[in-house]
Amino acid sequence: MAVRDPGLQPQRTALAWRRTLLSLLVVDFFILRSWLVPRADGSGTVTILNGVAVVAAALATVVLCFFGVQRVRHLRDGEGAPRALAIAGTSAAVGLLACSVVAVVLIR
């Protein structure tokens, strides 16, 4: 049986996950900022929906971070395709983050 040579794929995947998580953290900070900082004209109000969006975005980022670390670990260990739970969890977390961004944009 031939030994699989992963080449640089695990390193490229790890870098891609780091870039993705960095961009998600930036989105989280913008959502948090929209909750904490009132609008320039003073018309912005802090609502419960803003707080829910902040918590949902933070939860989605934590879930994505977890699955990203797991995926990089699996690639490093030479495992092949990602597990179905990882794909479903990542998709759900991205959907949750997108919904929180839309909610914040509509509230502002």
N, C-alpha and C. Protein backbone atom coordinates (compact mmCIF):
# COMPACT_ATOMS: atom_id res chain seq x y z
N MET A 1 0.85 -1.17 0.00
CA MET A 1 0.00 0.00 0.00
C MET A 1 0.90 1.24 0.00
N ALA A 2 0.62 2.17 -0.89
CA ALA A 2 1.44 3.38 -1.03
C ALA A 2 1.12 4.37 0.09
N VAL A 3 2.15 4.99 0.59
CA VAL A 3 1.98 6.00 1.62
C VAL A 3 1.60 7.31 0.96
N ARG A 4 0.59 7.97 1.51
CA ARG A 4 0.09 9.22 0.93
C ARG A 4 1.07 10.35 1.25
N ASP A 5 1.46 11.10 0.23
CA ASP A 5 2.30 12.27 0.42
C ASP A 5 1.42 13.50 0.35
N PRO A 6 1.13 14.13 1.49
CA PRO A 6 0.21 15.26 1.48
C PRO A 6 0.81 16.53 0.89
N GLY A 7 2.12 16.57 0.73
CA GLY A 7 2.75 17.77 0.19
C GLY A 7 2.50 18.96 1.10
N LEU A 8 2.13 20.07 0.49
CA LEU A 8 1.90 21.28 1.26
C LEU A 8 0.42 21.54 1.54
N GLN A 9 -0.45 20.60 1.19
CA GLN A 9 -1.88 20.81 1.37
C GLN A 9 -2.26 21.12 2.82
N PRO A 10 -1.76 20.38 3.82
CA PRO A 10 -2.15 20.73 5.20
C PRO A 10 -1.73 22.14 5.59
N GLN A 11 -0.57 22.58 5.14
CA GLN A 11 -0.13 23.93 5.49
C GLN A 11 -0.98 24.98 4.79
N ARG A 12 -1.33 24.76 3.53
CA ARG A 12 -2.19 25.70 2.81
C ARG A 12 -3.57 25.76 3.45
N THR A 13 -4.08 24.60 3.85
CA THR A 13 -5.39 24.57 4.50
C THR A 13 -5.34 25.28 5.84
N ALA A 14 -4.28 25.08 6.59
CA ALA A 14 -4.15 25.76 7.88
C ALA A 14 -4.09 27.28 7.69
N LEU A 15 -3.36 27.73 6.68
CA LEU A 15 -3.30 29.16 6.41
C LEU A 15 -4.65 29.70 5.97
N ALA A 16 -5.37 28.94 5.18
CA ALA A 16 -6.69 29.38 4.73
C ALA A 16 -7.66 29.49 5.91
N TRP A 17 -7.60 28.53 6.83
CA TRP A 17 -8.46 28.60 8.01
C TRP A 17 -8.07 29.78 8.87
N ARG A 18 -6.80 30.08 9.00
CA ARG A 18 -6.38 31.24 9.80
C ARG A 18 -6.89 32.54 9.18
N ARG A 19 -6.78 32.67 7.88
CA ARG A 19 -7.30 33.87 7.21
C ARG A 19 -8.81 33.98 7.38
N THR A 20 -9.49 32.87 7.25
CA THR A 20 -10.94 32.88 7.41
C THR A 20 -11.33 33.28 8.82
N LEU A 21 -10.67 32.70 9.80
CA LEU A 21 -11.00 33.03 11.19
C LEU A 21 -10.65 34.47 11.52
N LEU A 22 -9.60 35.00 10.95
CA LEU A 22 -9.27 36.40 11.15
C LEU A 22 -10.36 37.30 10.58
N SER A 23 -10.85 36.97 9.40
CA SER A 23 -11.93 37.78 8.81
C SER A 23 -13.22 37.64 9.63
N LEU A 24 -13.48 36.47 10.18
CA LEU A 24 -14.65 36.30 11.03
C LEU A 24 -14.53 37.11 12.32
N LEU A 25 -13.34 37.19 12.87
CA LEU A 25 -13.14 38.02 14.05
C LEU A 25 -13.39 39.49 13.74
N VAL A 26 -12.98 39.93 12.56
CA VAL A 26 -13.25 41.32 12.16
C VAL A 26 -14.75 41.55 12.06
N VAL A 27 -15.48 40.62 11.46
CA VAL A 27 -16.93 40.73 11.38
C VAL A 27 -17.53 40.76 12.78
N ASP A 28 -17.05 39.92 13.68
CA ASP A 28 -17.53 39.93 15.06
C ASP A 28 -17.30 41.27 15.73
N PHE A 29 -16.14 41.86 15.51
CA PHE A 29 -15.86 43.16 16.13
C PHE A 29 -16.77 44.24 15.56
N PHE A 30 -17.07 44.19 14.27
CA PHE A 30 -18.00 45.17 13.70
C PHE A 30 -19.40 45.00 14.28
N ILE A 31 -19.82 43.76 14.47
CA ILE A 31 -21.12 43.51 15.07
C ILE A 31 -21.13 44.01 16.51
N LEU A 32 -20.08 43.73 17.25
CA LEU A 32 -19.98 44.21 18.62
C LEU A 32 -19.97 45.73 18.67
N ARG A 33 -19.25 46.34 17.75
CA ARG A 33 -19.19 47.80 17.70
C ARG A 33 -20.57 48.40 17.43
N SER A 34 -21.33 47.76 16.54
CA SER A 34 -22.67 48.27 16.24
C SER A 34 -23.58 48.18 17.46
N TRP A 35 -23.28 47.28 18.36
CA TRP A 35 -24.08 47.15 19.57
C TRP A 35 -23.66 48.15 20.63
N LEU A 36 -22.36 48.43 20.73
CA LEU A 36 -21.85 49.27 21.80
C LEU A 36 -21.82 50.76 21.47
N VAL A 37 -21.60 51.10 20.21
CA VAL A 37 -21.43 52.50 19.82
C VAL A 37 -22.71 53.01 19.16
N PRO A 38 -23.29 54.10 19.70
CA PRO A 38 -24.49 54.65 19.05
C PRO A 38 -24.15 55.30 17.72
N ARG A 39 -25.15 55.49 16.89
CA ARG A 39 -24.94 56.14 15.59
C ARG A 39 -24.51 57.58 15.78
N ALA A 40 -23.89 58.14 14.75
CA ALA A 40 -23.36 59.50 14.83
C ALA A 40 -24.46 60.53 15.04
N ASP A 41 -25.64 60.28 14.50
CA ASP A 41 -26.72 61.25 14.67
C ASP A 41 -27.50 61.04 15.96
N GLY A 42 -27.09 60.06 16.75
CA GLY A 42 -27.71 59.82 18.05
C GLY A 42 -29.01 59.04 17.98
N SER A 43 -29.38 58.57 16.81
CA SER A 43 -30.66 57.89 16.67
C SER A 43 -30.57 56.39 16.94
N GLY A 44 -29.37 55.86 17.06
CA GLY A 44 -29.21 54.44 17.29
C GLY A 44 -29.60 54.05 18.71
N THR A 45 -30.29 52.95 18.85
CA THR A 45 -30.66 52.47 20.17
C THR A 45 -30.11 51.06 20.34
N VAL A 46 -29.77 50.76 21.55
CA VAL A 46 -29.29 49.42 21.86
C VAL A 46 -30.51 48.56 22.13
N THR A 47 -30.64 47.48 21.38
CA THR A 47 -31.79 46.60 21.55
C THR A 47 -31.33 45.21 21.93
N ILE A 48 -32.28 44.45 22.36
CA ILE A 48 -32.01 43.05 22.70
C ILE A 48 -31.58 42.29 21.43
N LEU A 49 -32.16 42.67 20.29
CA LEU A 49 -31.81 41.98 19.05
C LEU A 49 -30.34 42.19 18.70
N ASN A 50 -29.81 43.38 19.00
CA ASN A 50 -28.37 43.60 18.79
C ASN A 50 -27.55 42.65 19.67
N GLY A 51 -27.95 42.52 20.91
CA GLY A 51 -27.23 41.63 21.82
C GLY A 51 -27.30 40.18 21.37
N VAL A 52 -28.45 39.76 20.87
CA VAL A 52 -28.60 38.39 20.38
C VAL A 52 -27.70 38.18 19.16
N ALA A 53 -27.64 39.20 18.29
CA ALA A 53 -26.77 39.09 17.11
C ALA A 53 -25.31 38.99 17.51
N VAL A 54 -24.91 39.74 18.53
CA VAL A 54 -23.52 39.67 19.01
C VAL A 54 -23.20 38.28 19.57
N VAL A 55 -24.10 37.76 20.38
CA VAL A 55 -23.88 36.43 20.96
C VAL A 55 -23.88 35.36 19.87
N ALA A 56 -24.79 35.47 18.90
CA ALA A 56 -24.86 34.48 17.82
C ALA A 56 -23.59 34.52 16.96
N ALA A 57 -23.09 35.73 16.68
CA ALA A 57 -21.86 35.85 15.89
C ALA A 57 -20.67 35.27 16.64
N ALA A 58 -20.59 35.54 17.94
CA ALA A 58 -19.49 34.99 18.74
C ALA A 58 -19.57 33.46 18.79
N LEU A 59 -20.77 32.93 18.97
CA LEU A 59 -20.95 31.47 19.01
C LEU A 59 -20.57 30.85 17.67
N ALA A 60 -20.99 31.48 16.57
CA ALA A 60 -20.65 30.95 15.24
C ALA A 60 -19.14 30.94 15.03
N THR A 61 -18.47 31.99 15.48
CA THR A 61 -17.02 32.04 15.32
C THR A 61 -16.32 30.98 16.15
N VAL A 62 -16.80 30.74 17.35
CA VAL A 62 -16.21 29.70 18.19
C VAL A 62 -16.40 28.32 17.54
N VAL A 63 -17.59 28.07 17.01
CA VAL A 63 -17.85 26.78 16.35
C VAL A 63 -16.95 26.62 15.12
N LEU A 64 -16.83 27.69 14.32
CA LEU A 64 -15.96 27.62 13.15
C LEU A 64 -14.51 27.43 13.54
N CYS A 65 -14.09 28.05 14.61
CA CYS A 65 -12.71 27.89 15.09
C CYS A 65 -12.47 26.43 15.50
N PHE A 66 -13.43 25.86 16.20
CA PHE A 66 -13.31 24.46 16.63
C PHE A 66 -13.17 23.53 15.43
N PHE A 67 -14.08 23.68 14.45
CA PHE A 67 -14.03 22.79 13.29
C PHE A 67 -12.81 23.06 12.43
N GLY A 68 -12.34 24.30 12.39
CA GLY A 68 -11.12 24.60 11.64
C GLY A 68 -9.91 23.92 12.25
N VAL A 69 -9.81 23.97 13.56
CA VAL A 69 -8.69 23.32 14.24
C VAL A 69 -8.76 21.80 14.03
N GLN A 70 -9.97 21.25 14.11
CA GLN A 70 -10.13 19.81 13.89
C GLN A 70 -9.73 19.43 12.47
N ARG A 71 -10.12 20.25 11.48
CA ARG A 71 -9.80 19.93 10.09
C ARG A 71 -8.29 19.96 9.84
N VAL A 72 -7.64 20.98 10.38
CA VAL A 72 -6.19 21.07 10.22
C VAL A 72 -5.51 19.87 10.89
N ARG A 73 -6.01 19.47 12.04
CA ARG A 73 -5.45 18.32 12.75
C ARG A 73 -5.64 17.04 11.93
N HIS A 74 -6.82 16.88 11.32
CA HIS A 74 -7.07 15.68 10.50
C HIS A 74 -6.17 15.66 9.27
N LEU A 75 -5.98 16.81 8.65
CA LEU A 75 -5.09 16.85 7.49
C LEU A 75 -3.65 16.54 7.88
N ARG A 76 -3.23 17.05 9.02
CA ARG A 76 -1.87 16.80 9.47
C ARG A 76 -1.66 15.32 9.77
N ASP A 77 -2.71 14.65 10.27
CA ASP A 77 -2.61 13.23 10.58
C ASP A 77 -2.80 12.34 9.36
N GLY A 78 -3.09 12.94 8.21
CA GLY A 78 -3.20 12.17 6.98
C GLY A 78 -4.58 11.63 6.69
N GLU A 79 -5.59 12.10 7.41
CA GLU A 79 -6.96 11.65 7.12
C GLU A 79 -7.46 12.37 5.89
N GLY A 80 -8.40 11.78 5.22
CA GLY A 80 -8.88 12.31 3.94
C GLY A 80 -9.96 13.36 4.10
N ALA A 81 -11.12 13.03 3.60
CA ALA A 81 -12.23 13.98 3.52
C ALA A 81 -12.73 14.36 4.92
N PRO A 82 -13.30 15.54 5.05
CA PRO A 82 -13.84 15.94 6.35
C PRO A 82 -15.07 15.11 6.71
N ARG A 83 -15.34 15.02 7.98
CA ARG A 83 -16.49 14.25 8.45
C ARG A 83 -17.78 15.02 8.17
N ALA A 84 -18.88 14.28 8.10
CA ALA A 84 -20.19 14.90 7.81
C ALA A 84 -20.59 15.88 8.90
N LEU A 85 -20.28 15.57 10.16
CA LEU A 85 -20.61 16.49 11.25
C LEU A 85 -19.86 17.80 11.11
N ALA A 86 -18.62 17.74 10.68
CA ALA A 86 -17.83 18.95 10.49
C ALA A 86 -18.41 19.81 9.37
N ILE A 87 -18.83 19.18 8.31
CA ILE A 87 -19.42 19.94 7.20
C ILE A 87 -20.74 20.57 7.63
N ALA A 88 -21.58 19.81 8.30
CA ALA A 88 -22.87 20.33 8.75
C ALA A 88 -22.69 21.44 9.79
N GLY A 89 -21.78 21.23 10.74
CA GLY A 89 -21.54 22.24 11.77
C GLY A 89 -20.96 23.53 11.21
N THR A 90 -20.04 23.40 10.27
CA THR A 90 -19.45 24.57 9.63
C THR A 90 -20.50 25.33 8.83
N SER A 91 -21.33 24.61 8.10
CA SER A 91 -22.38 25.25 7.31
C SER A 91 -23.38 25.96 8.20
N ALA A 92 -23.77 25.33 9.30
CA ALA A 92 -24.71 25.96 10.23
C ALA A 92 -24.11 27.21 10.87
N ALA A 93 -22.84 27.15 11.22
CA ALA A 93 -22.18 28.30 11.84
C ALA A 93 -22.06 29.46 10.86
N VAL A 94 -21.75 29.17 9.60
CA VAL A 94 -21.67 30.24 8.59
C VAL A 94 -23.05 30.84 8.37
N GLY A 95 -24.08 30.02 8.34
CA GLY A 95 -25.45 30.53 8.20
C GLY A 95 -25.85 31.40 9.38
N LEU A 96 -25.49 30.99 10.58
CA LEU A 96 -25.79 31.78 11.77
C LEU A 96 -25.07 33.12 11.75
N LEU A 97 -23.82 33.10 11.35
CA LEU A 97 -23.06 34.35 11.25
C LEU A 97 -23.66 35.27 10.19
N ALA A 98 -24.06 34.72 9.07
CA ALA A 98 -24.68 35.53 8.01
C ALA A 98 -26.00 36.14 8.50
N CYS A 99 -26.79 35.37 9.22
CA CYS A 99 -28.05 35.89 9.76
C CYS A 99 -27.79 37.01 10.76
N SER A 100 -26.76 36.88 11.60
CA SER A 100 -26.46 37.94 12.56
C SER A 100 -26.00 39.20 11.86
N VAL A 101 -25.23 39.06 10.80
CA VAL A 101 -24.78 40.24 10.05
C VAL A 101 -25.99 40.93 9.41
N VAL A 102 -26.87 40.16 8.81
CA VAL A 102 -28.07 40.73 8.19
C VAL A 102 -28.93 41.42 9.24
N ALA A 103 -29.09 40.81 10.39
CA ALA A 103 -29.89 41.41 11.46
C ALA A 103 -29.30 42.75 11.91
N VAL A 104 -27.99 42.79 12.08
CA VAL A 104 -27.35 44.03 12.51
C VAL A 104 -27.49 45.12 11.44
N VAL A 105 -27.34 44.74 10.18
CA VAL A 105 -27.47 45.72 9.10
C VAL A 105 -28.89 46.26 9.04
N LEU A 106 -29.88 45.40 9.21
CA LEU A 106 -31.27 45.84 9.17
C LEU A 106 -31.63 46.70 10.38
N ILE A 107 -31.05 46.41 11.52
CA ILE A 107 -31.33 47.19 12.73
C ILE A 107 -30.75 48.58 12.62
N ARG A 108 -29.52 48.68 12.10
CA ARG A 108 -28.85 49.97 12.01
C ARG A 108 -29.55 50.82 11.01
